[in-house]
Amino acid sequence: MDTRTIELSEPAAAVSHETALLEKIASRQAVIGIVGLGYVGLPLATEFALEGFHVWGLDVDPVRIERIRHGNSYIGDVNSAILHGVVAKELLRVSTDDAPIAEADAIIVCVPTPLRKTKDPDVSYIVDAVTKIQAHARAGQLIVLESTTYPGTCEELVAPMLADTGLDIGRELFLAFSPERVDPGNHTYSTKNIPKVVGGVNDASTRAASFLYEQVIDHVHPVSTTKTAEMVKLLENTFRSVNIGLINEFALICNRMGVSVWEVIAAAATKPFGFMPFYPGPGLGGHCLPIDPIYLSWKAKLLDIEANFIDLAARINASMPRHVVEKVATALNDEAKPVRGSRILVLGVAYKRNVSDIRESPALDIIKLLAERGADVAYSDPHVDELHYHGVEMGSTELTPETLGAADCVVIVADHSAFDFQAVIDHASLVVDTRNATKALSGRARIVTL
């Protein structure tokens, strides 16, 4: 984008602030602040630093800050050698203090947005981040929210808070929303080549945010408003959640009918149009799929709309860990063994293959339900050394012929590529495979699938 030829319809004050910001971005003089250095923030901070921007990364966790300062990445998608390089060049500096916000020309908020126990949005992390920005806000800054949230958050929550600074939102202080689309463990699509959706509170905000992301991301797609951009992320993950809920329900029906759901899906996928394969599993996990559709459902209820598809899919997906436990109980019963006292080895406690993230992982519910039935439960996960969850304290068990042979039942929950599934079925006697990881394999074990 040539900042000299932009046609603006905003008042003169807005033109001067916007033009100054765009020129700073184009010349790499803009300082970038990233609030929250998790799966979204750290990769983004690294990309900006690699493009020659000076970046301040802020996080409340002092352990994360120290690891970054030593060039030691805790995010699988960020290479430690690359991280060390940008830190050594002082292109990326980090702090637990919020003072560097005053130095930043563009501030991107990437903080968590969990659900409360009452299933309504917990935006306290956003409020805390915006409160810190308020204290250091100045004319000419751009604030972008990336945290997944309910539609209207920028307009109804963030903009009024920033307006309390006395700065004119959209003219002196620019505000936009750009949904994060990170897929941890995906080696094909990363921060740089996943298209970026951007929507601002006005045209100037959209232009500024789009131009910022164009410096580090291959394709930027602007939309008309912040609310539109907020809805985009919710549609993406609700689409997945509903379709996974459908296929999980289909798996339950196939199970009752004695039909392999995996064979049915494989056959249906031969149709070259009108069908997209989704696969059943032990339940949803991670920081998006189990949570994002609930944000939309919550907002819909405020508008007196029942989000029936969304709520039904959430219930079906949430029921899958209990279904897996019932499969284990039935499989053990066929071996004349009760769940109580049986040694059960869970393979994979991360929410999906080849990541270390255990947030909302169905494995945690499976372990808890099995333990409540009196099982002697252990787990093995090459990406998760220790597990601390609702009173459960255990370490990962080394996967050996002896540990496999000693288990009354092995339950495959996350199909990490590091697992040798041939060895699993060669040495275990009973395997409940929730991921179809043992397809086309044969060995000693009796295999039970969803």
Protein backbone atom coordinates (compact mmCIF):
# COMPACT_ATOMS: atom_id res chain seq x y z
CA MET A 1 0.00 0.00 0.00
CA ASP A 2 1.33 3.44 -0.95
CA THR A 3 0.54 5.66 2.04
CA ARG A 4 0.93 8.78 -0.13
CA THR A 5 -2.04 7.94 -2.35
CA ILE A 6 -4.65 6.89 0.20
CA GLU A 7 -7.94 8.69 -0.29
CA LEU A 8 -9.52 9.51 3.05
CA SER A 9 -12.97 10.77 3.90
CA GLU A 10 -12.21 11.34 7.58
CA PRO A 11 -11.63 14.80 9.12
CA ALA A 12 -8.17 16.37 8.89
CA ALA A 13 -7.09 15.29 12.39
CA ALA A 14 -7.81 11.66 11.53
CA VAL A 15 -5.90 11.94 8.28
CA SER A 16 -2.78 13.18 10.04
CA HIS A 17 -2.83 10.46 12.71
CA GLU A 18 -3.62 7.70 10.23
CA THR A 19 -1.01 8.83 7.71
CA ALA A 20 1.65 9.12 10.41
CA LEU A 21 0.86 5.60 11.63
CA LEU A 22 0.90 4.11 8.13
CA GLU A 23 4.23 5.77 7.38
CA LYS A 24 5.70 4.37 10.60
CA ILE A 25 4.49 0.89 9.67
CA ALA A 26 5.79 1.14 6.10
CA SER A 27 9.24 2.26 7.27
CA ARG A 28 9.39 -0.37 10.05
CA GLN A 29 9.62 2.43 12.61
CA ALA A 30 6.37 1.38 14.29
CA VAL A 31 6.83 -0.41 17.61
CA ILE A 32 4.52 -3.40 18.00
CA GLY A 33 3.10 -4.47 21.36
CA ILE A 34 1.71 -7.99 21.79
CA VAL A 35 -0.32 -8.55 24.97
CA GLY A 36 -0.43 -12.26 25.76
CA LEU A 37 2.33 -14.61 24.61
CA GLY A 38 0.55 -17.92 24.21
CA TYR A 39 -0.24 -19.99 21.11
CA VAL A 40 -1.39 -16.86 19.27
CA GLY A 41 0.76 -14.06 20.66
CA LEU A 42 4.24 -15.59 20.56
CA PRO A 43 4.12 -16.74 16.90
CA LEU A 44 2.73 -13.32 15.91
CA ALA A 45 5.41 -11.47 17.88
CA THR A 46 8.07 -13.61 16.22
CA GLU A 47 6.72 -12.90 12.72
CA PHE A 48 6.79 -9.14 13.28
CA ALA A 49 10.31 -9.33 14.67
CA LEU A 50 11.48 -11.40 11.68
CA GLU A 51 10.18 -8.63 9.40
CA GLY A 52 12.38 -6.07 11.18
CA PHE A 53 9.83 -4.52 13.56
CA HIS A 54 10.76 -3.80 17.16
CA VAL A 55 8.32 -5.79 19.26
CA TRP A 56 7.38 -5.68 22.92
CA GLY A 57 5.83 -8.92 24.14
CA LEU A 58 3.88 -8.67 27.39
CA ASP A 59 2.68 -11.53 29.57
CA VAL A 60 1.73 -11.94 33.22
CA ASP A 61 3.60 -15.25 33.48
CA PRO A 62 7.22 -14.64 34.60
CA VAL A 63 8.21 -18.19 33.59
CA ARG A 64 7.23 -17.51 29.98
CA ILE A 65 9.12 -14.21 30.03
CA GLU A 66 12.32 -15.85 31.29
CA ARG A 67 12.11 -18.62 28.71
CA ILE A 68 11.74 -16.11 25.88
CA ARG A 69 14.66 -14.06 27.19
CA HIS A 70 16.78 -17.19 26.92
CA GLY A 71 15.45 -17.97 23.43
CA ASN A 72 13.69 -21.08 24.71
CA SER A 73 10.32 -21.52 23.01
CA TYR A 74 7.45 -23.19 24.88
CA ILE A 75 5.23 -23.12 21.78
CA GLY A 76 5.66 -25.98 19.32
CA ASP A 77 5.05 -23.73 16.32
CA VAL A 78 7.89 -21.35 17.27
CA ASN A 79 11.41 -22.60 16.63
CA SER A 80 13.77 -21.89 19.55
CA ALA A 81 16.66 -21.03 17.24
CA ILE A 82 14.55 -18.45 15.40
CA LEU A 83 13.24 -17.07 18.70
CA HIS A 84 16.77 -16.82 20.09
CA GLY A 85 17.84 -14.93 16.96
CA VAL A 86 15.24 -12.16 17.21
CA VAL A 87 15.75 -11.87 20.97
CA ALA A 88 19.53 -11.58 20.53
CA LYS A 89 19.02 -8.77 18.00
CA GLU A 90 16.67 -7.06 20.48
CA LEU A 91 13.91 -7.09 17.89
CA LEU A 92 11.78 -8.91 20.44
CA ARG A 93 11.84 -7.73 24.03
CA VAL A 94 9.51 -9.04 26.72
CA SER A 95 8.18 -7.92 30.06
CA THR A 96 5.59 -8.63 32.75
CA ASP A 97 5.20 -4.87 33.17
CA ASP A 98 2.70 -2.94 31.06
CA ALA A 99 4.81 0.22 30.78
CA PRO A 100 6.10 -0.65 27.25
CA ILE A 101 2.52 -0.16 25.99
CA ALA A 102 3.24 3.57 25.99
CA GLU A 103 6.06 2.98 23.51
CA ALA A 104 3.94 0.84 21.15
CA ASP A 105 2.34 2.29 18.03
CA ALA A 106 0.23 -0.83 17.43
CA ILE A 107 -1.00 -3.04 20.26
CA ILE A 108 -2.42 -6.50 19.55
CA VAL A 109 -4.34 -8.21 22.34
CA CYS A 110 -4.07 -12.02 22.38
CA VAL A 111 -5.34 -12.97 25.84
CA PRO A 112 -7.47 -15.99 26.82
CA THR A 113 -11.27 -15.84 26.69
CA PRO A 114 -12.58 -18.84 28.65
CA LEU A 115 -16.11 -19.61 29.76
CA ARG A 116 -17.30 -19.22 33.31
CA LYS A 117 -18.83 -22.20 35.12
CA THR A 118 -22.20 -20.70 34.23
CA LYS A 119 -21.27 -21.02 30.50
CA ASP A 120 -21.24 -17.28 29.90
CA PRO A 121 -18.19 -15.46 28.47
CA ASP A 122 -15.35 -14.52 30.80
CA VAL A 123 -13.95 -11.33 29.29
CA SER A 124 -11.99 -10.38 32.40
CA TYR A 125 -8.66 -10.92 30.61
CA ILE A 126 -9.75 -8.55 27.83
CA VAL A 127 -10.89 -5.97 30.38
CA ASP A 128 -7.56 -6.25 32.21
CA ALA A 129 -5.59 -5.81 28.98
CA VAL A 130 -7.66 -2.83 27.82
CA THR A 131 -7.36 -1.24 31.28
CA LYS A 132 -3.58 -1.38 30.93
CA ILE A 133 -3.81 0.10 27.43
CA GLN A 134 -6.03 2.89 28.78
CA ALA A 135 -3.32 3.94 31.20
CA HIS A 136 -0.78 4.44 28.40
CA ALA A 137 -2.97 5.37 25.42
CA ARG A 138 -1.95 8.23 23.15
CA ALA A 139 -3.17 9.66 19.87
CA GLY A 140 -2.05 7.73 16.81
CA GLN A 141 -2.07 4.26 18.35
CA LEU A 142 -3.79 1.23 16.81
CA ILE A 143 -5.38 -1.39 19.08
CA VAL A 144 -6.36 -4.76 17.62
CA LEU A 145 -8.21 -7.44 19.56
CA GLU A 146 -7.50 -11.02 18.42
CA SER A 147 -9.01 -12.88 21.37
CA THR A 148 -12.07 -14.88 20.33
CA THR A 149 -15.16 -13.37 21.87
CA TYR A 150 -18.86 -12.67 21.38
CA PRO A 151 -20.02 -10.41 18.53
CA GLY A 152 -20.17 -6.81 19.73
CA THR A 153 -17.25 -6.96 22.17
CA CYS A 154 -15.26 -4.24 20.42
CA GLU A 155 -18.25 -1.91 20.03
CA GLU A 156 -19.90 -2.54 23.38
CA LEU A 157 -16.93 -3.14 25.70
CA VAL A 158 -13.54 -2.16 24.28
CA ALA A 159 -14.47 1.08 22.47
CA PRO A 160 -16.26 2.64 25.49
CA MET A 161 -13.32 1.78 27.74
CA LEU A 162 -10.86 3.38 25.32
CA ALA A 163 -13.15 6.40 24.90
CA ASP A 164 -12.66 7.10 28.61
CA THR A 165 -9.13 8.20 27.70
CA GLY A 166 -10.63 11.26 26.06
CA LEU A 167 -9.25 10.23 22.69
CA ASP A 168 -11.61 10.08 19.71
CA ILE A 169 -12.02 6.42 18.73
CA GLY A 170 -11.50 5.96 15.01
CA ARG A 171 -9.90 9.36 14.57
CA GLU A 172 -7.19 9.61 17.22
CA LEU A 173 -7.16 6.05 18.50
CA PHE A 174 -7.79 3.28 15.98
CA LEU A 175 -9.56 0.06 16.95
CA ALA A 176 -10.06 -3.21 15.03
CA PHE A 177 -10.78 -6.88 15.51
CA SER A 178 -8.90 -9.67 13.74
CA PRO A 179 -9.79 -13.24 14.74
CA GLU A 180 -6.89 -15.54 15.46
CA ARG A 181 -6.86 -18.66 13.28
CA VAL A 182 -3.92 -20.54 14.76
CA ASP A 183 -3.96 -24.32 14.32
CA PRO A 184 -1.29 -25.68 16.70
CA GLY A 185 0.77 -28.47 15.22
CA ASN A 186 -0.25 -27.72 11.63
CA HIS A 187 2.96 -27.67 9.57
CA THR A 188 1.21 -26.60 6.36
CA TYR A 189 -0.60 -23.51 7.61
CA SER A 190 1.08 -21.12 10.02
CA THR A 191 0.62 -17.54 11.19
CA LYS A 192 2.21 -16.20 8.00
CA ASN A 193 0.16 -18.03 5.37
CA ILE A 194 -3.25 -18.27 7.05
CA PRO A 195 -5.38 -15.44 5.56
CA LYS A 196 -6.15 -12.68 8.06
CA VAL A 197 -9.64 -11.23 8.46
CA VAL A 198 -9.69 -7.62 9.71
CA GLY A 199 -12.59 -5.36 10.65
CA GLY A 200 -12.32 -1.91 12.21
CA VAL A 201 -14.72 0.42 14.00
CA ASN A 202 -14.42 2.71 10.96
CA ASP A 203 -12.66 2.77 7.59
CA ALA A 204 -9.51 4.38 8.98
CA SER A 205 -9.19 1.66 11.63
CA THR A 206 -9.70 -1.08 9.04
CA ARG A 207 -7.09 0.45 6.75
CA ALA A 208 -4.54 0.81 9.54
CA ALA A 209 -5.01 -2.73 10.87
CA SER A 210 -5.01 -4.25 7.38
CA PHE A 211 -1.82 -2.44 6.43
CA LEU A 212 -0.15 -3.58 9.66
CA TYR A 213 -0.93 -7.26 9.04
CA GLU A 214 0.03 -7.00 5.36
CA GLN A 215 3.62 -6.54 6.50
CA VAL A 216 3.80 -10.06 7.97
CA ILE A 217 0.90 -12.09 6.55
CA ASP A 218 0.50 -13.23 2.95
CA HIS A 219 -3.17 -12.33 2.51
CA VAL A 220 -5.38 -9.91 4.45
CA HIS A 221 -9.15 -9.85 3.96
CA PRO A 222 -10.84 -6.67 5.27
CA VAL A 223 -14.51 -6.73 6.30
CA SER A 224 -16.93 -3.90 7.01
CA THR A 225 -17.13 -3.90 10.82
CA THR A 226 -15.61 -5.32 13.99
CA LYS A 227 -18.82 -7.25 14.64
CA THR A 228 -18.54 -8.92 11.21
CA ALA A 229 -14.95 -9.96 11.97
CA GLU A 230 -16.00 -11.28 15.39
CA MET A 231 -18.75 -13.36 13.73
CA VAL A 232 -16.33 -14.84 11.19
CA LYS A 233 -14.37 -16.77 13.81
CA LEU A 234 -17.53 -18.01 15.49
CA LEU A 235 -18.94 -19.24 12.18
CA GLU A 236 -15.71 -21.10 11.38
CA ASN A 237 -15.61 -22.98 14.67
CA THR A 238 -19.36 -23.43 14.98
CA PHE A 239 -19.31 -25.04 11.52
CA ARG A 240 -16.72 -27.52 12.75
CA SER A 241 -18.40 -28.11 16.09
CA VAL A 242 -21.81 -28.80 14.55
CA ASN A 243 -20.40 -31.15 11.91
CA ILE A 244 -18.29 -33.01 14.47
CA GLY A 245 -21.40 -33.26 16.66
CA LEU A 246 -23.28 -34.71 13.70
CA ILE A 247 -20.63 -37.33 12.96
CA ASN A 248 -20.30 -38.21 16.65
CA GLU A 249 -24.05 -38.83 16.79
CA PHE A 250 -23.77 -40.82 13.57
CA ALA A 251 -21.01 -42.89 15.22
CA LEU A 252 -23.30 -43.68 18.15
CA ILE A 253 -25.99 -44.89 15.74
CA CYS A 254 -23.50 -46.96 13.74
CA ASN A 255 -22.19 -48.49 16.95
CA ARG A 256 -25.66 -49.58 18.00
CA MET A 257 -26.27 -51.02 14.51
CA GLY A 258 -22.97 -52.88 14.39
CA VAL A 259 -21.68 -50.85 11.43
CA SER A 260 -18.18 -49.36 11.19
CA VAL A 261 -18.58 -45.58 11.08
CA TRP A 262 -15.04 -45.31 9.70
CA GLU A 263 -15.89 -47.51 6.72
CA VAL A 264 -19.07 -45.52 6.10
CA ILE A 265 -17.17 -42.21 6.11
CA ALA A 266 -14.46 -43.55 3.79
CA ALA A 267 -17.09 -44.73 1.32
CA ALA A 268 -19.09 -41.49 1.49
CA ALA A 269 -15.90 -39.48 0.90
CA THR A 270 -15.56 -41.02 -2.57
CA LYS A 271 -18.39 -38.71 -3.68
CA PRO A 272 -16.63 -35.80 -5.46
CA PHE A 273 -19.27 -33.19 -4.55
CA GLY A 274 -21.77 -32.40 -1.82
CA PHE A 275 -19.89 -34.21 0.97
CA MET A 276 -17.07 -33.17 3.28
CA PRO A 277 -15.70 -35.83 5.63
CA PHE A 278 -15.64 -35.19 9.37
CA TYR A 279 -14.50 -37.81 11.84
CA PRO A 280 -15.81 -38.91 15.25
CA GLY A 281 -13.65 -38.82 18.32
CA PRO A 282 -13.58 -38.86 22.13
CA GLY A 283 -14.84 -35.26 22.38
CA LEU A 284 -13.74 -31.72 21.59
CA GLY A 285 -10.76 -29.99 23.17
CA GLY A 286 -8.47 -27.02 22.85
CA HIS A 287 -8.98 -23.30 23.25
CA CYS A 288 -11.55 -22.84 20.46
CA LEU A 289 -13.96 -25.60 19.44
CA PRO A 290 -15.54 -26.41 22.82
CA ILE A 291 -15.84 -22.71 23.71
CA ASP A 292 -16.40 -20.48 20.68
CA PRO A 293 -19.86 -21.80 19.68
CA ILE A 294 -21.03 -21.22 23.27
CA TYR A 295 -20.09 -17.56 22.92
CA LEU A 296 -22.39 -17.32 19.91
CA SER A 297 -25.16 -19.25 21.64
CA TRP A 298 -24.92 -16.96 24.68
CA LYS A 299 -25.16 -13.85 22.50
CA ALA A 300 -28.08 -15.34 20.54
CA LYS A 301 -30.03 -15.92 23.75
CA LEU A 302 -29.59 -12.26 24.66
CA LEU A 303 -31.34 -11.53 21.36
CA ASP A 304 -34.13 -14.01 22.21
CA ILE A 305 -32.90 -16.52 19.62
CA GLU A 306 -32.47 -20.19 20.47
CA ALA A 307 -29.25 -21.55 18.92
CA ASN A 308 -30.61 -25.08 18.66
CA PHE A 309 -28.00 -26.59 16.33
CA ILE A 310 -25.15 -25.12 18.38
CA ASP A 311 -26.49 -26.25 21.74
CA LEU A 312 -27.33 -29.75 20.51
CA ALA A 313 -23.87 -30.22 18.99
CA ALA A 314 -22.27 -29.05 22.23
CA ARG A 315 -24.27 -31.60 24.22
CA ILE A 316 -23.40 -34.45 21.87
CA ASN A 317 -19.70 -33.58 21.82
CA ALA A 318 -19.63 -33.19 25.60
CA SER A 319 -21.16 -36.67 25.97
CA MET A 320 -18.38 -38.45 24.06
CA PRO A 321 -15.94 -38.98 26.97
CA ARG A 322 -18.67 -40.84 28.84
CA HIS A 323 -19.36 -42.90 25.69
CA VAL A 324 -15.67 -43.83 25.54
CA VAL A 325 -15.74 -44.93 29.18
CA GLU A 326 -18.80 -47.09 28.46
CA LYS A 327 -16.92 -48.65 25.54
CA VAL A 328 -14.05 -49.44 27.90
CA ALA A 329 -16.42 -50.92 30.49
CA THR A 330 -18.15 -53.09 27.88
CA ALA A 331 -14.85 -54.24 26.38
CA LEU A 332 -13.52 -55.19 29.83
CA ASN A 333 -16.78 -56.94 30.67
CA ASP A 334 -16.34 -59.08 27.54
CA GLU A 335 -13.00 -60.13 29.06
CA ALA A 336 -14.77 -60.96 32.34
CA LYS A 337 -13.10 -57.99 34.06
CA PRO A 338 -14.72 -55.12 35.98
CA VAL A 339 -13.57 -51.54 35.54
CA ARG A 340 -12.81 -51.36 39.27
CA GLY A 341 -9.27 -52.52 39.83
CA SER A 342 -8.43 -52.81 36.12
CA ARG A 343 -5.20 -51.20 34.94
CA ILE A 344 -6.06 -48.77 32.16
CA LEU A 345 -3.44 -46.92 30.14
CA VAL A 346 -4.59 -43.79 28.29
CA LEU A 347 -2.50 -42.88 25.25
CA GLY A 348 -2.46 -39.12 24.71
CA VAL A 349 -3.85 -36.51 27.08
CA ALA A 350 -3.36 -33.51 24.76
CA TYR A 351 -6.53 -32.40 23.04
CA LYS A 352 -5.23 -33.42 19.60
CA ARG A 353 -2.28 -35.12 17.93
CA ASN A 354 1.25 -33.73 18.14
CA VAL A 355 0.57 -30.84 20.54
CA SER A 356 1.12 -30.38 24.29
CA ASP A 357 -2.07 -28.39 24.94
CA ILE A 358 -4.42 -30.12 27.41
CA ARG A 359 -7.03 -27.34 27.61
CA GLU A 360 -10.53 -28.85 27.54
CA SER A 361 -8.99 -32.18 26.47
CA PRO A 362 -11.51 -35.05 26.50
CA ALA A 363 -8.76 -37.26 27.92
CA LEU A 364 -9.04 -35.41 31.22
CA ASP A 365 -12.72 -36.29 31.55
CA ILE A 366 -12.05 -39.88 30.48
CA ILE A 367 -9.37 -40.27 33.15
CA LYS A 368 -11.62 -38.71 35.79
CA LEU A 369 -14.60 -40.91 34.91
CA LEU A 370 -12.50 -44.07 34.88
CA ALA A 371 -10.93 -43.18 38.24
CA GLU A 372 -14.40 -42.59 39.70
CA ARG A 373 -15.29 -46.14 38.67
CA GLY A 374 -12.29 -47.44 40.59
CA ALA A 375 -9.90 -48.07 37.70
CA ASP A 376 -6.14 -47.85 38.18
CA VAL A 377 -5.46 -45.22 35.49
CA ALA A 378 -2.12 -44.18 34.00
CA TYR A 379 -1.29 -42.20 30.88
CA SER A 380 1.46 -41.89 28.30
CA ASP A 381 2.04 -38.73 26.28
CA PRO A 382 5.38 -37.69 24.75
CA HIS A 383 4.23 -34.05 24.76
CA VAL A 384 2.88 -33.84 28.34
CA ASP A 385 5.34 -34.89 31.04
CA GLU A 386 3.08 -34.17 34.02
CA LEU A 387 -0.64 -33.84 34.52
CA HIS A 388 -2.21 -31.59 37.15
CA TYR A 389 -5.96 -31.46 36.78
CA HIS A 390 -8.73 -31.14 39.39
CA GLY A 391 -6.78 -33.07 42.01
CA VAL A 392 -5.29 -35.53 39.51
CA GLU A 393 -1.50 -35.56 39.83
CA MET A 394 0.44 -38.01 37.69
CA GLY A 395 3.38 -38.24 35.33
CA SER A 396 3.60 -39.74 31.88
CA THR A 397 4.30 -43.48 31.74
CA GLU A 398 7.00 -44.68 29.37
CA LEU A 399 5.48 -46.74 26.60
CA THR A 400 7.25 -50.10 26.67
CA PRO A 401 6.24 -53.69 25.89
CA GLU A 402 6.04 -54.24 29.65
CA THR A 403 3.69 -51.30 30.37
CA LEU A 404 1.50 -52.24 27.41
CA GLY A 405 1.40 -55.87 28.41
CA ALA A 406 0.56 -55.01 32.02
CA ALA A 407 -2.50 -52.94 31.06
CA ASP A 408 -5.91 -54.57 31.09
CA CYS A 409 -6.99 -51.98 28.53
CA VAL A 410 -5.19 -49.36 26.44
CA VAL A 411 -7.30 -46.36 25.34
CA ILE A 412 -6.07 -44.32 22.36
CA VAL A 413 -7.33 -40.75 22.88
CA ALA A 414 -4.74 -38.66 20.99
CA ASP A 415 -3.06 -40.32 18.02
CA HIS A 416 0.37 -38.69 18.33
CA SER A 417 2.71 -39.59 15.49
CA ALA A 418 5.36 -40.52 18.10
CA PHE A 419 3.27 -43.51 19.19
CA ASP A 420 4.17 -46.84 17.60
CA PHE A 421 0.67 -48.25 17.16
CA GLN A 422 1.95 -51.51 15.75
CA ALA A 423 3.84 -52.03 19.00
CA VAL A 424 0.70 -51.11 20.91
CA ILE A 425 -1.42 -53.84 19.34
CA ASP A 426 1.48 -56.32 19.42
CA HIS A 427 1.90 -56.07 23.20
CA ALA A 428 -1.48 -54.95 24.59
CA SER A 429 -4.32 -57.42 25.02
CA LEU A 430 -7.23 -54.97 24.62
CA VAL A 431 -7.27 -51.60 22.83
CA VAL A 432 -10.12 -49.09 22.65
CA ASP A 433 -9.22 -46.90 19.68
CA THR A 434 -11.15 -43.62 19.56
CA ARG A 435 -9.13 -42.21 16.61
CA ASN A 436 -9.04 -45.16 14.20
CA ALA A 437 -5.25 -45.07 14.62
CA THR A 438 -4.94 -48.84 14.33
CA LYS A 439 -6.79 -49.21 11.04
CA ALA A 440 -5.26 -51.78 8.70
CA LEU A 441 -3.02 -53.06 11.53
CA SER A 442 -3.16 -56.53 13.02
CA GLY A 443 -1.57 -57.93 16.13
CA ARG A 444 -2.19 -59.55 19.47
CA ALA A 445 -4.70 -57.05 20.80
CA ARG A 446 -8.44 -57.15 20.45
CA ILE A 447 -9.35 -53.74 19.02
CA VAL A 448 -12.57 -51.90 19.79
CA THR A 449 -13.40 -48.67 17.93
CA LEU A 450 -16.07 -45.99 18.38
